[in-house]
Amino acid sequence: MMIDEQQESLPTDATLWGGWQDIFNEYSAKLEAAGAEITYVKEKYGFMRFEADYNDNAREIQRLIHEAEEKSLNTCQECGKEGTQVDVGSWIYTLCEDCHIVQKQKLPPERRKDSTSEDND
């Protein structure tokens, strides 16, 4: 199922970025095959979170959820390239270097300072 198709039937608190589309598709299928019904998908603190209902196979389902979350922590949520967690204007995202630059440029100039850079003044 595509994220866009899923969004209408699945409760979400944020639009999941296209960079995580492949992770979503892969793990939605794996979770459903393991007997889980996905009840909620969201982005929180820069990674994709799955919530699911299940009665059986709990260990396997929890392992799959953890695996999907870990994979999203290393994947740019905008474009799907390798990414890392970054702070952009007090929000945490998982972005590649290029998408990080783009996101910072969307901020007002006074908020563009990278929290990881040193002040050389």
C-alpha atoms as a PDB file:
ATOM      1  CA  MET A   1       0.000   0.000   0.000  1.00  0.00           C
ATOM      2  CA  MET A   2       1.287   3.474  -0.801  1.00  0.00           C
ATOM      3  CA  ILE A   3       1.546   6.064   1.955  1.00  0.00           C
ATOM      4  CA  ASP A   4      -0.872   8.361   0.113  1.00  0.00           C
ATOM      5  CA  GLU A   5      -3.440   5.569  -0.251  1.00  0.00           C
ATOM      6  CA  GLN A   6      -2.956   4.511   3.352  1.00  0.00           C
ATOM      7  CA  GLN A   7      -3.345   8.065   4.702  1.00  0.00           C
ATOM      8  CA  GLU A   8      -7.066   8.155   3.994  1.00  0.00           C
ATOM      9  CA  SER A   9      -7.777   4.971   5.949  1.00  0.00           C
ATOM     10  CA  LEU A  10      -5.009   5.104   8.554  1.00  0.00           C
ATOM     11  CA  PRO A  11      -4.895   7.644  11.389  1.00  0.00           C
ATOM     12  CA  THR A  12      -1.764   9.769  11.142  1.00  0.00           C
ATOM     13  CA  ASP A  13      -0.644  12.960  12.878  1.00  0.00           C
ATOM     14  CA  ALA A  14       1.690  14.059  10.095  1.00  0.00           C
ATOM     15  CA  THR A  15       2.209  13.416   6.427  1.00  0.00           C
ATOM     16  CA  LEU A  16       4.962  10.874   5.993  1.00  0.00           C
ATOM     17  CA  TRP A  17       7.567  12.103   3.568  1.00  0.00           C
ATOM     18  CA  GLY A  18       8.212  10.315   0.310  1.00  0.00           C
ATOM     19  CA  GLY A  19      11.735   9.386   1.370  1.00  0.00           C
ATOM     20  CA  TRP A  20      10.255   6.773   3.669  1.00  0.00           C
ATOM     21  CA  GLN A  21       7.836   5.355   1.090  1.00  0.00           C
ATOM     22  CA  ASP A  22       9.896   2.194   0.470  1.00  0.00           C
ATOM     23  CA  ILE A  23      10.340   1.529   4.207  1.00  0.00           C
ATOM     24  CA  PHE A  24       6.621   2.014   4.775  1.00  0.00           C
ATOM     25  CA  ASN A  25       5.694  -0.331   1.921  1.00  0.00           C
ATOM     26  CA  GLU A  26       8.178  -3.024   2.964  1.00  0.00           C
ATOM     27  CA  TYR A  27       7.300  -3.056   6.646  1.00  0.00           C
ATOM     28  CA  SER A  28       3.552  -2.621   6.187  1.00  0.00           C
ATOM     29  CA  ALA A  29       3.590  -5.819   4.137  1.00  0.00           C
ATOM     30  CA  LYS A  30       5.828  -7.641   6.636  1.00  0.00           C
ATOM     31  CA  LEU A  31       3.719  -6.567   9.608  1.00  0.00           C
ATOM     32  CA  GLU A  32       0.476  -7.559   7.932  1.00  0.00           C
ATOM     33  CA  ALA A  33       1.978 -10.927   6.944  1.00  0.00           C
ATOM     34  CA  ALA A  34       3.005 -11.462  10.573  1.00  0.00           C
ATOM     35  CA  GLY A  35      -0.597 -10.886  11.683  1.00  0.00           C
ATOM     36  CA  ALA A  36      -0.490  -7.234  12.734  1.00  0.00           C
ATOM     37  CA  GLU A  37      -3.080  -4.641  11.834  1.00  0.00           C
ATOM     38  CA  ILE A  38      -1.373  -1.264  11.491  1.00  0.00           C
ATOM     39  CA  THR A  39      -3.441   1.261  13.407  1.00  0.00           C
ATOM     40  CA  TYR A  40      -1.297   4.382  13.267  1.00  0.00           C
ATOM     41  CA  VAL A  41       1.763   5.673  11.447  1.00  0.00           C
ATOM     42  CA  LYS A  42       3.476   8.919  12.297  1.00  0.00           C
ATOM     43  CA  GLU A  43       6.717  10.803  12.212  1.00  0.00           C
ATOM     44  CA  LYS A  44       8.037  11.700  15.637  1.00  0.00           C
ATOM     45  CA  TYR A  45      11.486  12.975  16.585  1.00  0.00           C
ATOM     46  CA  GLY A  46      12.744  12.343  13.072  1.00  0.00           C
ATOM     47  CA  PHE A  47      11.746   8.723  12.650  1.00  0.00           C
ATOM     48  CA  MET A  48       8.756   6.783  11.433  1.00  0.00           C
ATOM     49  CA  ARG A  49       6.632   5.169  14.128  1.00  0.00           C
ATOM     50  CA  PHE A  50       4.268   2.263  13.573  1.00  0.00           C
ATOM     51  CA  GLU A  51       1.538   1.337  16.012  1.00  0.00           C
ATOM     52  CA  ALA A  52      -0.276  -1.946  15.480  1.00  0.00           C
ATOM     53  CA  ASP A  53      -2.830  -4.261  17.011  1.00  0.00           C
ATOM     54  CA  TYR A  54      -1.922  -7.922  17.272  1.00  0.00           C
ATOM     55  CA  ASN A  55      -2.729 -10.942  19.385  1.00  0.00           C
ATOM     56  CA  ASP A  56      -0.172 -13.491  18.260  1.00  0.00           C
ATOM     57  CA  ASN A  57       3.433 -13.391  17.153  1.00  0.00           C
ATOM     58  CA  ALA A  58       4.225 -10.431  19.438  1.00  0.00           C
ATOM     59  CA  ARG A  59       7.998 -10.894  19.488  1.00  0.00           C
ATOM     60  CA  GLU A  60       8.247 -10.980  15.680  1.00  0.00           C
ATOM     61  CA  ILE A  61       5.925  -7.998  15.246  1.00  0.00           C
ATOM     62  CA  GLN A  62       7.815  -5.931  17.812  1.00  0.00           C
ATOM     63  CA  ARG A  63      11.089  -6.862  16.086  1.00  0.00           C
ATOM     64  CA  LEU A  64       9.708  -5.720  12.723  1.00  0.00           C
ATOM     65  CA  ILE A  65       8.446  -2.432  14.176  1.00  0.00           C
ATOM     66  CA  HIS A  66      11.845  -1.782  15.755  1.00  0.00           C
ATOM     67  CA  GLU A  67      13.616  -2.663  12.504  1.00  0.00           C
ATOM     68  CA  ALA A  68      11.425  -0.249  10.492  1.00  0.00           C
ATOM     69  CA  GLU A  69      12.007   2.550  13.003  1.00  0.00           C
ATOM     70  CA  GLU A  70      15.770   1.980  12.951  1.00  0.00           C
ATOM     71  CA  LYS A  71      15.800   1.993   9.166  1.00  0.00           C
ATOM     72  CA  SER A  72      13.929   5.318   9.077  1.00  0.00           C
ATOM     73  CA  LEU A  73      16.537   6.820  11.430  1.00  0.00           C
ATOM     74  CA  ASN A  74      19.150   6.293   8.710  1.00  0.00           C
ATOM     75  CA  THR A  75      17.026   7.324   5.722  1.00  0.00           C
ATOM     76  CA  CYS A  76      16.300  10.883   4.615  1.00  0.00           C
ATOM     77  CA  GLN A  77      12.591  11.421   5.089  1.00  0.00           C
ATOM     78  CA  GLU A  78      12.518  13.805   2.121  1.00  0.00           C
ATOM     79  CA  CYS A  79      14.392  11.934  -0.641  1.00  0.00           C
ATOM     80  CA  GLY A  80      15.261   8.428   0.638  1.00  0.00           C
ATOM     81  CA  LYS A  81      19.062   8.809   0.566  1.00  0.00           C
ATOM     82  CA  GLU A  82      21.196   7.936   3.580  1.00  0.00           C
ATOM     83  CA  GLY A  83      20.410  10.436   6.337  1.00  0.00           C
ATOM     84  CA  THR A  84      21.090  11.345   9.942  1.00  0.00           C
ATOM     85  CA  GLN A  85      19.076  13.067  12.626  1.00  0.00           C
ATOM     86  CA  VAL A  86      19.456  16.836  12.580  1.00  0.00           C
ATOM     87  CA  ASP A  87      17.922  19.764  14.422  1.00  0.00           C
ATOM     88  CA  VAL A  88      16.298  22.313  12.134  1.00  0.00           C
ATOM     89  CA  GLY A  89      14.677  25.210  13.936  1.00  0.00           C
ATOM     90  CA  SER A  90      14.030  23.165  17.099  1.00  0.00           C
ATOM     91  CA  TRP A  91      12.474  20.288  15.124  1.00  0.00           C
ATOM     92  CA  ILE A  92      14.240  16.954  14.694  1.00  0.00           C
ATOM     93  CA  TYR A  93      14.365  15.501  11.199  1.00  0.00           C
ATOM     94  CA  THR A  94      16.221  12.659   9.521  1.00  0.00           C
ATOM     95  CA  LEU A  95      17.787  14.227   6.451  1.00  0.00           C
ATOM     96  CA  CYS A  96      20.635  13.841   4.002  1.00  0.00           C
ATOM     97  CA  GLU A  97      23.059  16.750   3.746  1.00  0.00           C
ATOM     98  CA  ASP A  98      21.310  18.270   0.700  1.00  0.00           C
ATOM     99  CA  CYS A  99      17.812  18.139   2.211  1.00  0.00           C
ATOM    100  CA  HIS A 100      19.167  19.511   5.498  1.00  0.00           C
ATOM    101  CA  ILE A 101      20.417  22.591   3.628  1.00  0.00           C
ATOM    102  CA  VAL A 102      17.044  23.013   1.918  1.00  0.00           C
ATOM    103  CA  GLN A 103      15.151  22.729   5.215  1.00  0.00           C
ATOM    104  CA  LYS A 104      17.426  25.267   6.908  1.00  0.00           C
ATOM    105  CA  GLN A 105      16.863  27.719   4.040  1.00  0.00           C
ATOM    106  CA  LYS A 106      13.113  27.604   4.767  1.00  0.00           C
ATOM    107  CA  LEU A 107      13.755  29.064   8.227  1.00  0.00           C
ATOM    108  CA  PRO A 108      13.871  32.808   8.912  1.00  0.00           C
ATOM    109  CA  PRO A 109      17.523  34.005   8.650  1.00  0.00           C
ATOM    110  CA  GLU A 110      17.905  34.486  12.417  1.00  0.00           C
ATOM    111  CA  ARG A 111      17.074  30.796  13.031  1.00  0.00           C
ATOM    112  CA  ARG A 112      19.361  29.258  10.371  1.00  0.00           C
ATOM    113  CA  LYS A 113      22.422  28.772  12.573  1.00  0.00           C
ATOM    114  CA  ASP A 114      23.287  25.086  12.743  1.00  0.00           C
ATOM    115  CA  SER A 115      23.135  23.936  16.348  1.00  0.00           C
ATOM    116  CA  THR A 116      26.185  21.725  15.751  1.00  0.00           C
ATOM    117  CA  SER A 117      28.457  24.473  14.397  1.00  0.00           C
ATOM    118  CA  GLU A 118      30.696  26.518  16.650  1.00  0.00           C
ATOM    119  CA  ASP A 119      30.410  30.266  16.980  1.00  0.00           C
ATOM    120  CA  ASN A 120      33.731  31.737  15.857  1.00  0.00           C
ATOM    121  CA  ASP A 121      33.027  35.356  16.889  1.00  0.00           C
END
